[in-house]
Amino acid sequence: MTNEMECLQAERLGLLSELAKLRATSLAEVLKHPDVAVRNHG
């Protein structure tokens, strides 16, 4: 289960990085948005 979560987090980070590129901003700025903010599930 841990491995699956790590894979999902890695995929999410990659997608957020692509979103940052599309928005011409930094990943840090994208992560500040409440809809995509990092959530602690643990």
PDB file of N, CA and C in Angstrom:
ATOM      1  N   MET A   1       0.825  -1.194   0.000  1.00  0.00           N
ATOM      2  CA  MET A   1       0.000   0.000   0.000  1.00  0.00           C
ATOM      3  C   MET A   1       0.869   1.258   0.000  1.00  0.00           C
ATOM      4  N   THR A   2       1.966   1.225   0.735  1.00  0.00           N
ATOM      5  CA  THR A   2       2.862   2.382   0.769  1.00  0.00           C
ATOM      6  C   THR A   2       3.440   2.656  -0.611  1.00  0.00           C
ATOM      7  N   ASN A   3       3.842   1.604  -1.307  1.00  0.00           N
ATOM      8  CA  ASN A   3       4.403   1.762  -2.638  1.00  0.00           C
ATOM      9  C   ASN A   3       3.374   2.378  -3.588  1.00  0.00           C
ATOM     10  N   GLU A   4       2.125   1.931  -3.484  1.00  0.00           N
ATOM     11  CA  GLU A   4       1.063   2.474  -4.333  1.00  0.00           C
ATOM     12  C   GLU A   4       0.863   3.962  -4.056  1.00  0.00           C
ATOM     13  N   MET A   5       0.867   4.344  -2.783  1.00  0.00           N
ATOM     14  CA  MET A   5       0.710   5.753  -2.420  1.00  0.00           C
ATOM     15  C   MET A   5       1.864   6.588  -2.960  1.00  0.00           C
ATOM     16  N   GLU A   6       3.083   6.053  -2.873  1.00  0.00           N
ATOM     17  CA  GLU A   6       4.247   6.770  -3.384  1.00  0.00           C
ATOM     18  C   GLU A   6       4.136   6.967  -4.894  1.00  0.00           C
ATOM     19  N   CYS A   7       3.664   5.941  -5.589  1.00  0.00           N
ATOM     20  CA  CYS A   7       3.493   6.048  -7.043  1.00  0.00           C
ATOM     21  C   CYS A   7       2.432   7.090  -7.396  1.00  0.00           C
ATOM     22  N   LEU A   8       1.343   7.100  -6.650  1.00  0.00           N
ATOM     23  CA  LEU A   8       0.285   8.078  -6.905  1.00  0.00           C
ATOM     24  C   LEU A   8       0.768   9.494  -6.625  1.00  0.00           C
ATOM     25  N   GLN A   9       1.543   9.673  -5.558  1.00  0.00           N
ATOM     26  CA  GLN A   9       2.077  10.993  -5.232  1.00  0.00           C
ATOM     27  C   GLN A   9       3.046  11.466  -6.313  1.00  0.00           C
ATOM     28  N   ALA A  10       3.864  10.554  -6.821  1.00  0.00           N
ATOM     29  CA  ALA A  10       4.806  10.904  -7.879  1.00  0.00           C
ATOM     30  C   ALA A  10       4.053  11.310  -9.144  1.00  0.00           C
ATOM     31  N   GLU A  11       2.999  10.577  -9.473  1.00  0.00           N
ATOM     32  CA  GLU A  11       2.189  10.921 -10.645  1.00  0.00           C
ATOM     33  C   GLU A  11       1.524  12.277 -10.459  1.00  0.00           C
ATOM     34  N   ARG A  12       0.999  12.525  -9.263  1.00  0.00           N
ATOM     35  CA  ARG A  12       0.343  13.802  -8.963  1.00  0.00           C
ATOM     36  C   ARG A  12       1.332  14.958  -9.106  1.00  0.00           C
ATOM     37  N   LEU A  13       2.532  14.763  -8.583  1.00  0.00           N
ATOM     38  CA  LEU A  13       3.545  15.807  -8.675  1.00  0.00           C
ATOM     39  C   LEU A  13       3.903  16.104 -10.126  1.00  0.00           C
ATOM     40  N   GLY A  14       4.015  15.068 -10.938  1.00  0.00           N
ATOM     41  CA  GLY A  14       4.292  15.261 -12.358  1.00  0.00           C
ATOM     42  C   GLY A  14       3.192  16.038 -13.055  1.00  0.00           C
ATOM     43  N   LEU A  15       1.942  15.711 -12.734  1.00  0.00           N
ATOM     44  CA  LEU A  15       0.813  16.415 -13.338  1.00  0.00           C
ATOM     45  C   LEU A  15       0.754  17.870 -12.875  1.00  0.00           C
ATOM     46  N   LEU A  16       1.049  18.098 -11.611  1.00  0.00           N
ATOM     47  CA  LEU A  16       1.067  19.473 -11.111  1.00  0.00           C
ATOM     48  C   LEU A  16       2.193  20.277 -11.751  1.00  0.00           C
ATOM     49  N   SER A  17       3.291  19.620 -12.018  1.00  0.00           N
ATOM     50  CA  SER A  17       4.401  20.279 -12.702  1.00  0.00           C
ATOM     51  C   SER A  17       3.986  20.689 -14.119  1.00  0.00           C
ATOM     52  N   GLU A  18       3.281  19.804 -14.805  1.00  0.00           N
ATOM     53  CA  GLU A  18       2.774  20.137 -16.141  1.00  0.00           C
ATOM     54  C   GLU A  18       1.799  21.303 -16.069  1.00  0.00           C
ATOM     55  N   LEU A  19       0.943  21.315 -15.060  1.00  0.00           N
ATOM     56  CA  LEU A  19      -0.002  22.414 -14.880  1.00  0.00           C
ATOM     57  C   LEU A  19       0.738  23.732 -14.675  1.00  0.00           C
ATOM     58  N   ALA A  20       1.804  23.695 -13.895  1.00  0.00           N
ATOM     59  CA  ALA A  20       2.597  24.907 -13.669  1.00  0.00           C
ATOM     60  C   ALA A  20       3.169  25.426 -14.985  1.00  0.00           C
ATOM     61  N   LYS A  21       3.648  24.522 -15.822  1.00  0.00           N
ATOM     62  CA  LYS A  21       4.186  24.939 -17.120  1.00  0.00           C
ATOM     63  C   LYS A  21       3.097  25.572 -17.978  1.00  0.00           C
ATOM     64  N   LEU A  22       1.916  24.962 -17.993  1.00  0.00           N
ATOM     65  CA  LEU A  22       0.802  25.501 -18.782  1.00  0.00           C
ATOM     66  C   LEU A  22       0.386  26.883 -18.290  1.00  0.00           C
ATOM     67  N   ARG A  23       0.473  27.091 -16.992  1.00  0.00           N
ATOM     68  CA  ARG A  23       0.107  28.387 -16.410  1.00  0.00           C
ATOM     69  C   ARG A  23       1.265  29.376 -16.402  1.00  0.00           C
ATOM     70  N   ALA A  24       2.413  28.938 -16.879  1.00  0.00           N
ATOM     71  CA  ALA A  24       3.622  29.768 -16.898  1.00  0.00           C
ATOM     72  C   ALA A  24       3.938  30.310 -15.503  1.00  0.00           C
ATOM     73  N   THR A  25       3.931  29.406 -14.557  1.00  0.00           N
ATOM     74  CA  THR A  25       4.234  29.771 -13.179  1.00  0.00           C
ATOM     75  C   THR A  25       5.061  28.655 -12.550  1.00  0.00           C
ATOM     76  N   SER A  26       5.385  28.816 -11.301  1.00  0.00           N
ATOM     77  CA  SER A  26       6.190  27.801 -10.630  1.00  0.00           C
ATOM     78  C   SER A  26       5.297  26.740  -9.980  1.00  0.00           C
ATOM     79  N   LEU A  27       5.890  25.601  -9.732  1.00  0.00           N
ATOM     80  CA  LEU A  27       5.179  24.537  -9.035  1.00  0.00           C
ATOM     81  C   LEU A  27       4.772  25.012  -7.641  1.00  0.00           C
ATOM     82  N   ALA A  28       5.623  25.775  -7.004  1.00  0.00           N
ATOM     83  CA  ALA A  28       5.311  26.308  -5.668  1.00  0.00           C
ATOM     84  C   ALA A  28       4.050  27.164  -5.695  1.00  0.00           C
ATOM     85  N   GLU A  29       3.895  27.970  -6.740  1.00  0.00           N
ATOM     86  CA  GLU A  29       2.691  28.802  -6.861  1.00  0.00           C
ATOM     87  C   GLU A  29       1.448  27.945  -7.071  1.00  0.00           C
ATOM     88  N   VAL A  30       1.572  26.915  -7.886  1.00  0.00           N
ATOM     89  CA  VAL A  30       0.433  26.016  -8.119  1.00  0.00           C
ATOM     90  C   VAL A  30       0.036  25.343  -6.806  1.00  0.00           C
ATOM     91  N   LEU A  31       1.026  24.925  -6.026  1.00  0.00           N
ATOM     92  CA  LEU A  31       0.747  24.234  -4.771  1.00  0.00           C
ATOM     93  C   LEU A  31       0.088  25.133  -3.726  1.00  0.00           C
ATOM     94  N   LYS A  32       0.196  26.440  -3.881  1.00  0.00           N
ATOM     95  CA  LYS A  32      -0.437  27.374  -2.946  1.00  0.00           C
ATOM     96  C   LYS A  32      -1.946  27.435  -3.133  1.00  0.00           C
ATOM     97  N   HIS A  33      -2.418  27.038  -4.305  1.00  0.00           N
ATOM     98  CA  HIS A  33      -3.849  27.098  -4.586  1.00  0.00           C
ATOM     99  C   HIS A  33      -4.584  26.088  -3.712  1.00  0.00           C
ATOM    100  N   PRO A  34      -5.686  26.491  -3.077  1.00  0.00           N
ATOM    101  CA  PRO A  34      -6.387  25.584  -2.164  1.00  0.00           C
ATOM    102  C   PRO A  34      -6.893  24.294  -2.810  1.00  0.00           C
ATOM    103  N   ASP A  35      -7.179  24.326  -4.091  1.00  0.00           N
ATOM    104  CA  ASP A  35      -7.682  23.121  -4.772  1.00  0.00           C
ATOM    105  C   ASP A  35      -6.612  22.074  -4.992  1.00  0.00           C
ATOM    106  N   VAL A  36      -5.347  22.459  -4.969  1.00  0.00           N
ATOM    107  CA  VAL A  36      -4.275  21.508  -5.220  1.00  0.00           C
ATOM    108  C   VAL A  36      -3.242  21.466  -4.091  1.00  0.00           C
ATOM    109  N   ALA A  37      -3.549  22.135  -3.012  1.00  0.00           N
ATOM    110  CA  ALA A  37      -2.617  22.173  -1.888  1.00  0.00           C
ATOM    111  C   ALA A  37      -2.275  20.761  -1.426  1.00  0.00           C
ATOM    112  N   VAL A  38      -1.065  20.589  -0.961  1.00  0.00           N
ATOM    113  CA  VAL A  38      -0.621  19.293  -0.463  1.00  0.00           C
ATOM    114  C   VAL A  38      -1.432  18.949   0.780  1.00  0.00           C
ATOM    115  N   ARG A  39      -1.957  17.762   0.766  1.00  0.00           N
ATOM    116  CA  ARG A  39      -2.744  17.301   1.911  1.00  0.00           C
ATOM    117  C   ARG A  39      -1.998  16.153   2.578  1.00  0.00           C
ATOM    118  N   ASN A  40      -2.033  16.140   3.898  1.00  0.00           N
ATOM    119  CA  ASN A  40      -1.400  15.068   4.663  1.00  0.00           C
ATOM    120  C   ASN A  40      -2.434  14.003   4.960  1.00  0.00           C
ATOM    121  N   HIS A  41      -2.253  12.820   4.362  1.00  0.00           N
ATOM    122  CA  HIS A  41      -3.205  11.726   4.554  1.00  0.00           C
ATOM    123  C   HIS A  41      -2.685  10.717   5.560  1.00  0.00           C
ATOM    124  N   GLY A  42      -1.757  11.101   6.380  1.00  0.00           N
ATOM    125  CA  GLY A  42      -1.162  10.089   7.188  1.00  0.00           C
ATOM    126  C   GLY A  42      -1.148  10.266   8.623  1.00  0.00           C
TER     127      GLY A  42
END
